[in-house]
Amino acid sequence: MFSQLIIAVTFLFAMILSVFRLPDSLPLMLAYLRPEWITLVLIYWAIALPKTVGMKSAWIIGLLTDALLGSLLGLHAFVFMLVVYISSSLYQRLRMMASWQQSLFVFAVIFLSQSVFFWTGQITGTVQWTNLYFLPSIISALLWPWIFIILRSVRRKFNIS
């Protein structure tokens, strides 16, 4: 029970970082440098504890994210379930990979999720193409080693298994 609470707190922290506003004095284009915090945390827990954080967790977190960000209901849930399915089906291989190889995996998965978001945004007319649209997948991949280290230390400190 305590371990599930710690996992929930990490997701809550990722959600807070996802909606954290930039100061108005900064250019709006810097918003494209924001990594996909929730997806990064979801990938970590799906790799570290695939039996604990699975499709049901991804669905719930996705619906909460949809409500938080005001997006199409079920879109994040679908994408997060896709991310968890890919991550948890490859978790044994990913654990054996070097950090830079895991970063390439993270890039590919987040790029796929952003492609789904872009595709649905184009259908609904809510997204405009910009050359910077897929930049968060690169930033997320670059941050992955640090996210991995931080979340692994949290998992070890609180003995989450």
C-alpha atoms as a PDB file:
ATOM      1  CA  MET A   1       0.000   0.000   0.000  1.00  0.00           C
ATOM      2  CA  PHE A   2       2.814   2.403   0.902  1.00  0.00           C
ATOM      3  CA  SER A   3       4.640   1.626  -2.343  1.00  0.00           C
ATOM      4  CA  GLN A   4       1.533   2.461  -4.381  1.00  0.00           C
ATOM      5  CA  LEU A   5       1.313   5.775  -2.566  1.00  0.00           C
ATOM      6  CA  ILE A   6       4.920   6.625  -3.465  1.00  0.00           C
ATOM      7  CA  ILE A   7       4.271   5.696  -7.100  1.00  0.00           C
ATOM      8  CA  ALA A   8       1.154   7.894  -7.081  1.00  0.00           C
ATOM      9  CA  VAL A   9       3.181  10.783  -5.642  1.00  0.00           C
ATOM     10  CA  THR A  10       5.701  10.486  -8.486  1.00  0.00           C
ATOM     11  CA  PHE A  11       2.859  10.692 -10.995  1.00  0.00           C
ATOM     12  CA  LEU A  12       1.359  13.643  -9.133  1.00  0.00           C
ATOM     13  CA  PHE A  13       4.723  15.410  -9.247  1.00  0.00           C
ATOM     14  CA  ALA A  14       4.979  14.693 -13.002  1.00  0.00           C
ATOM     15  CA  MET A  15       1.484  16.114 -13.530  1.00  0.00           C
ATOM     16  CA  ILE A  16       2.419  19.262 -11.638  1.00  0.00           C
ATOM     17  CA  LEU A  17       5.509  19.671 -13.813  1.00  0.00           C
ATOM     18  CA  SER A  18       3.348  19.160 -16.915  1.00  0.00           C
ATOM     19  CA  VAL A  19       1.047  22.071 -16.112  1.00  0.00           C
ATOM     20  CA  PHE A  20       3.673  24.346 -14.590  1.00  0.00           C
ATOM     21  CA  ARG A  21       3.421  27.667 -16.425  1.00  0.00           C
ATOM     22  CA  LEU A  22       6.390  29.486 -17.829  1.00  0.00           C
ATOM     23  CA  PRO A  23       6.767  33.152 -16.900  1.00  0.00           C
ATOM     24  CA  ASP A  24       5.092  35.508 -19.354  1.00  0.00           C
ATOM     25  CA  SER A  25       8.412  37.265 -19.962  1.00  0.00           C
ATOM     26  CA  LEU A  26       9.825  34.162 -21.663  1.00  0.00           C
ATOM     27  CA  PRO A  27       9.096  33.433 -25.321  1.00  0.00           C
ATOM     28  CA  LEU A  28       6.230  31.028 -25.955  1.00  0.00           C
ATOM     29  CA  MET A  29       8.494  28.861 -28.096  1.00  0.00           C
ATOM     30  CA  LEU A  30      10.281  27.686 -24.933  1.00  0.00           C
ATOM     31  CA  ALA A  31       7.176  25.650 -24.122  1.00  0.00           C
ATOM     32  CA  TYR A  32       8.329  23.198 -26.788  1.00  0.00           C
ATOM     33  CA  LEU A  33      11.354  22.423 -24.610  1.00  0.00           C
ATOM     34  CA  ARG A  34       9.074  20.917 -21.964  1.00  0.00           C
ATOM     35  CA  PRO A  35       9.665  17.166 -21.691  1.00  0.00           C
ATOM     36  CA  GLU A  36       6.844  14.652 -21.493  1.00  0.00           C
ATOM     37  CA  TRP A  37       7.063  14.257 -17.718  1.00  0.00           C
ATOM     38  CA  ILE A  38       4.116  11.925 -17.212  1.00  0.00           C
ATOM     39  CA  THR A  39       5.169   9.647 -20.056  1.00  0.00           C
ATOM     40  CA  LEU A  40       8.728   9.465 -18.693  1.00  0.00           C
ATOM     41  CA  VAL A  41       7.499   8.459 -15.240  1.00  0.00           C
ATOM     42  CA  LEU A  42       5.091   5.971 -16.809  1.00  0.00           C
ATOM     43  CA  ILE A  43       7.865   4.377 -18.861  1.00  0.00           C
ATOM     44  CA  TYR A  44      10.086   4.073 -15.808  1.00  0.00           C
ATOM     45  CA  TRP A  45       7.465   2.374 -13.642  1.00  0.00           C
ATOM     46  CA  ALA A  46       6.368   0.111 -16.506  1.00  0.00           C
ATOM     47  CA  ILE A  47       9.964  -1.062 -16.877  1.00  0.00           C
ATOM     48  CA  ALA A  48      10.749  -1.253 -13.153  1.00  0.00           C
ATOM     49  CA  LEU A  49       7.466  -2.776 -11.942  1.00  0.00           C
ATOM     50  CA  PRO A  50       5.512  -4.127 -14.926  1.00  0.00           C
ATOM     51  CA  LYS A  51       3.130  -6.105 -12.709  1.00  0.00           C
ATOM     52  CA  THR A  52       2.286  -3.084 -10.544  1.00  0.00           C
ATOM     53  CA  VAL A  53       2.063  -0.331 -13.166  1.00  0.00           C
ATOM     54  CA  GLY A  54       0.242  -1.783 -16.127  1.00  0.00           C
ATOM     55  CA  MET A  55      -2.580  -1.067 -18.500  1.00  0.00           C
ATOM     56  CA  LYS A  56      -5.098  -0.257 -15.776  1.00  0.00           C
ATOM     57  CA  SER A  57      -2.736   2.280 -14.211  1.00  0.00           C
ATOM     58  CA  ALA A  58      -2.016   3.800 -17.613  1.00  0.00           C
ATOM     59  CA  TRP A  59      -5.738   4.137 -18.301  1.00  0.00           C
ATOM     60  CA  ILE A  60      -6.424   5.873 -14.972  1.00  0.00           C
ATOM     61  CA  ILE A  61      -3.415   8.188 -15.282  1.00  0.00           C
ATOM     62  CA  GLY A  62      -4.416   8.956 -18.863  1.00  0.00           C
ATOM     63  CA  LEU A  63      -7.949   9.924 -17.882  1.00  0.00           C
ATOM     64  CA  LEU A  64      -6.602  12.110 -15.079  1.00  0.00           C
ATOM     65  CA  THR A  65      -4.201  13.736 -17.540  1.00  0.00           C
ATOM     66  CA  ASP A  66      -7.028  14.340 -20.012  1.00  0.00           C
ATOM     67  CA  ALA A  67      -9.013  16.067 -17.281  1.00  0.00           C
ATOM     68  CA  LEU A  68      -5.968  18.019 -16.115  1.00  0.00           C
ATOM     69  CA  LEU A  69      -4.940  19.255 -19.559  1.00  0.00           C
ATOM     70  CA  GLY A  70      -8.441  19.628 -20.959  1.00  0.00           C
ATOM     71  CA  SER A  71      -7.752  17.372 -23.900  1.00  0.00           C
ATOM     72  CA  LEU A  72     -10.011  14.946 -25.716  1.00  0.00           C
ATOM     73  CA  LEU A  73     -11.259  12.491 -23.083  1.00  0.00           C
ATOM     74  CA  GLY A  74      -9.559   9.131 -23.500  1.00  0.00           C
ATOM     75  CA  LEU A  75      -6.769  10.322 -25.774  1.00  0.00           C
ATOM     76  CA  HIS A  76      -4.026  10.306 -23.152  1.00  0.00           C
ATOM     77  CA  ALA A  77      -5.490   7.094 -21.745  1.00  0.00           C
ATOM     78  CA  PHE A  78      -5.149   5.398 -25.130  1.00  0.00           C
ATOM     79  CA  VAL A  79      -1.645   6.734 -25.734  1.00  0.00           C
ATOM     80  CA  PHE A  80      -0.465   5.862 -22.218  1.00  0.00           C
ATOM     81  CA  MET A  81      -1.814   2.330 -22.626  1.00  0.00           C
ATOM     82  CA  LEU A  82       0.140   2.068 -25.876  1.00  0.00           C
ATOM     83  CA  VAL A  83       3.293   3.311 -24.123  1.00  0.00           C
ATOM     84  CA  VAL A  84       2.848   0.854 -21.246  1.00  0.00           C
ATOM     85  CA  TYR A  85       2.160  -2.027 -23.603  1.00  0.00           C
ATOM     86  CA  ILE A  86       5.371  -1.387 -25.543  1.00  0.00           C
ATOM     87  CA  SER A  87       7.450  -0.706 -22.425  1.00  0.00           C
ATOM     88  CA  SER A  88       6.217  -3.623 -20.365  1.00  0.00           C
ATOM     89  CA  SER A  89       6.503  -6.091 -23.239  1.00  0.00           C
ATOM     90  CA  LEU A  90      10.171  -5.132 -23.644  1.00  0.00           C
ATOM     91  CA  TYR A  91      11.032  -4.505 -19.985  1.00  0.00           C
ATOM     92  CA  GLN A  92      13.492  -7.397 -19.664  1.00  0.00           C
ATOM     93  CA  ARG A  93      15.468  -6.228 -22.682  1.00  0.00           C
ATOM     94  CA  LEU A  94      15.327  -2.591 -21.598  1.00  0.00           C
ATOM     95  CA  ARG A  95      16.755  -3.413 -18.180  1.00  0.00           C
ATOM     96  CA  MET A  96      19.822  -4.880 -19.849  1.00  0.00           C
ATOM     97  CA  MET A  97      20.404  -1.927 -22.165  1.00  0.00           C
ATOM     98  CA  ALA A  98      22.826   0.896 -21.575  1.00  0.00           C
ATOM     99  CA  SER A  99      21.415   4.285 -20.639  1.00  0.00           C
ATOM    100  CA  TRP A 100      21.899   5.750 -24.115  1.00  0.00           C
ATOM    101  CA  GLN A 101      20.079   2.775 -25.668  1.00  0.00           C
ATOM    102  CA  GLN A 102      17.197   3.268 -23.264  1.00  0.00           C
ATOM    103  CA  SER A 103      17.169   6.933 -24.287  1.00  0.00           C
ATOM    104  CA  LEU A 104      16.745   5.900 -27.920  1.00  0.00           C
ATOM    105  CA  PHE A 105      13.839   3.692 -26.889  1.00  0.00           C
ATOM    106  CA  VAL A 106      12.305   6.574 -24.916  1.00  0.00           C
ATOM    107  CA  PHE A 107      12.704   8.838 -27.941  1.00  0.00           C
ATOM    108  CA  ALA A 108      10.962   6.321 -30.210  1.00  0.00           C
ATOM    109  CA  VAL A 109       8.074   5.712 -27.805  1.00  0.00           C
ATOM    110  CA  ILE A 110       7.477   9.387 -27.053  1.00  0.00           C
ATOM    111  CA  PHE A 111       7.801  10.251 -30.752  1.00  0.00           C
ATOM    112  CA  LEU A 112       5.114   7.620 -31.447  1.00  0.00           C
ATOM    113  CA  SER A 113       2.872   9.040 -28.732  1.00  0.00           C
ATOM    114  CA  GLN A 114       3.338  12.575 -30.028  1.00  0.00           C
ATOM    115  CA  SER A 115       2.524  11.356 -33.528  1.00  0.00           C
ATOM    116  CA  VAL A 116      -0.796  10.003 -32.252  1.00  0.00           C
ATOM    117  CA  PHE A 117      -1.488  13.310 -30.488  1.00  0.00           C
ATOM    118  CA  PHE A 118      -0.594  15.225 -33.655  1.00  0.00           C
ATOM    119  CA  TRP A 119      -2.739  12.986 -35.840  1.00  0.00           C
ATOM    120  CA  THR A 120      -5.793  13.361 -33.596  1.00  0.00           C
ATOM    121  CA  GLY A 121      -5.110  17.086 -33.262  1.00  0.00           C
ATOM    122  CA  GLN A 122      -5.096  17.415 -37.036  1.00  0.00           C
ATOM    123  CA  ILE A 123      -8.399  15.539 -37.264  1.00  0.00           C
ATOM    124  CA  THR A 124     -10.042  17.715 -34.613  1.00  0.00           C
ATOM    125  CA  GLY A 125      -8.398  20.891 -35.893  1.00  0.00           C
ATOM    126  CA  THR A 126      -6.710  21.773 -32.611  1.00  0.00           C
ATOM    127  CA  VAL A 127      -3.052  21.449 -33.663  1.00  0.00           C
ATOM    128  CA  GLN A 128      -1.030  23.516 -36.090  1.00  0.00           C
ATOM    129  CA  TRP A 129       2.176  22.127 -37.562  1.00  0.00           C
ATOM    130  CA  THR A 130       5.416  23.669 -36.392  1.00  0.00           C
ATOM    131  CA  ASN A 131       8.969  22.472 -36.829  1.00  0.00           C
ATOM    132  CA  LEU A 132       9.300  22.331 -33.051  1.00  0.00           C
ATOM    133  CA  TYR A 133       6.344  19.978 -32.446  1.00  0.00           C
ATOM    134  CA  PHE A 134       8.448  16.853 -31.889  1.00  0.00           C
ATOM    135  CA  LEU A 135      11.145  18.609 -29.844  1.00  0.00           C
ATOM    136  CA  PRO A 136       9.752  17.308 -26.509  1.00  0.00           C
ATOM    137  CA  SER A 137      10.570  13.752 -27.586  1.00  0.00           C
ATOM    138  CA  ILE A 138      14.218  14.742 -28.041  1.00  0.00           C
ATOM    139  CA  ILE A 139      14.289  16.629 -24.726  1.00  0.00           C
ATOM    140  CA  SER A 140      12.639  13.681 -22.968  1.00  0.00           C
ATOM    141  CA  ALA A 141      15.207  11.272 -24.392  1.00  0.00           C
ATOM    142  CA  LEU A 142      18.028  13.527 -23.226  1.00  0.00           C
ATOM    143  CA  LEU A 143      16.541  13.728 -19.722  1.00  0.00           C
ATOM    144  CA  TRP A 144      15.848   9.997 -19.482  1.00  0.00           C
ATOM    145  CA  PRO A 145      19.130   9.000 -17.749  1.00  0.00           C
ATOM    146  CA  TRP A 146      18.509  11.514 -14.948  1.00  0.00           C
ATOM    147  CA  ILE A 147      14.838  10.581 -14.601  1.00  0.00           C
ATOM    148  CA  PHE A 148      15.871   6.932 -14.435  1.00  0.00           C
ATOM    149  CA  ILE A 149      18.462   7.615 -11.728  1.00  0.00           C
ATOM    150  CA  ILE A 150      16.086   9.763  -9.650  1.00  0.00           C
ATOM    151  CA  LEU A 151      13.178   7.326  -9.810  1.00  0.00           C
ATOM    152  CA  ARG A 152      15.433   4.328  -9.175  1.00  0.00           C
ATOM    153  CA  SER A 153      16.795   6.036  -6.055  1.00  0.00           C
ATOM    154  CA  VAL A 154      13.225   6.740  -4.907  1.00  0.00           C
ATOM    155  CA  ARG A 155      12.334   3.098  -5.516  1.00  0.00           C
ATOM    156  CA  ARG A 156      15.363   1.879  -3.555  1.00  0.00           C
ATOM    157  CA  LYS A 157      14.975   4.382  -0.722  1.00  0.00           C
ATOM    158  CA  PHE A 158      11.373   3.392  -0.069  1.00  0.00           C
ATOM    159  CA  ASN A 159      11.992  -0.290  -0.919  1.00  0.00           C
ATOM    160  CA  ILE A 160       9.297  -0.390  -3.603  1.00  0.00           C
ATOM    161  CA  SER A 161       8.979  -3.787  -5.244  1.00  0.00           C
END
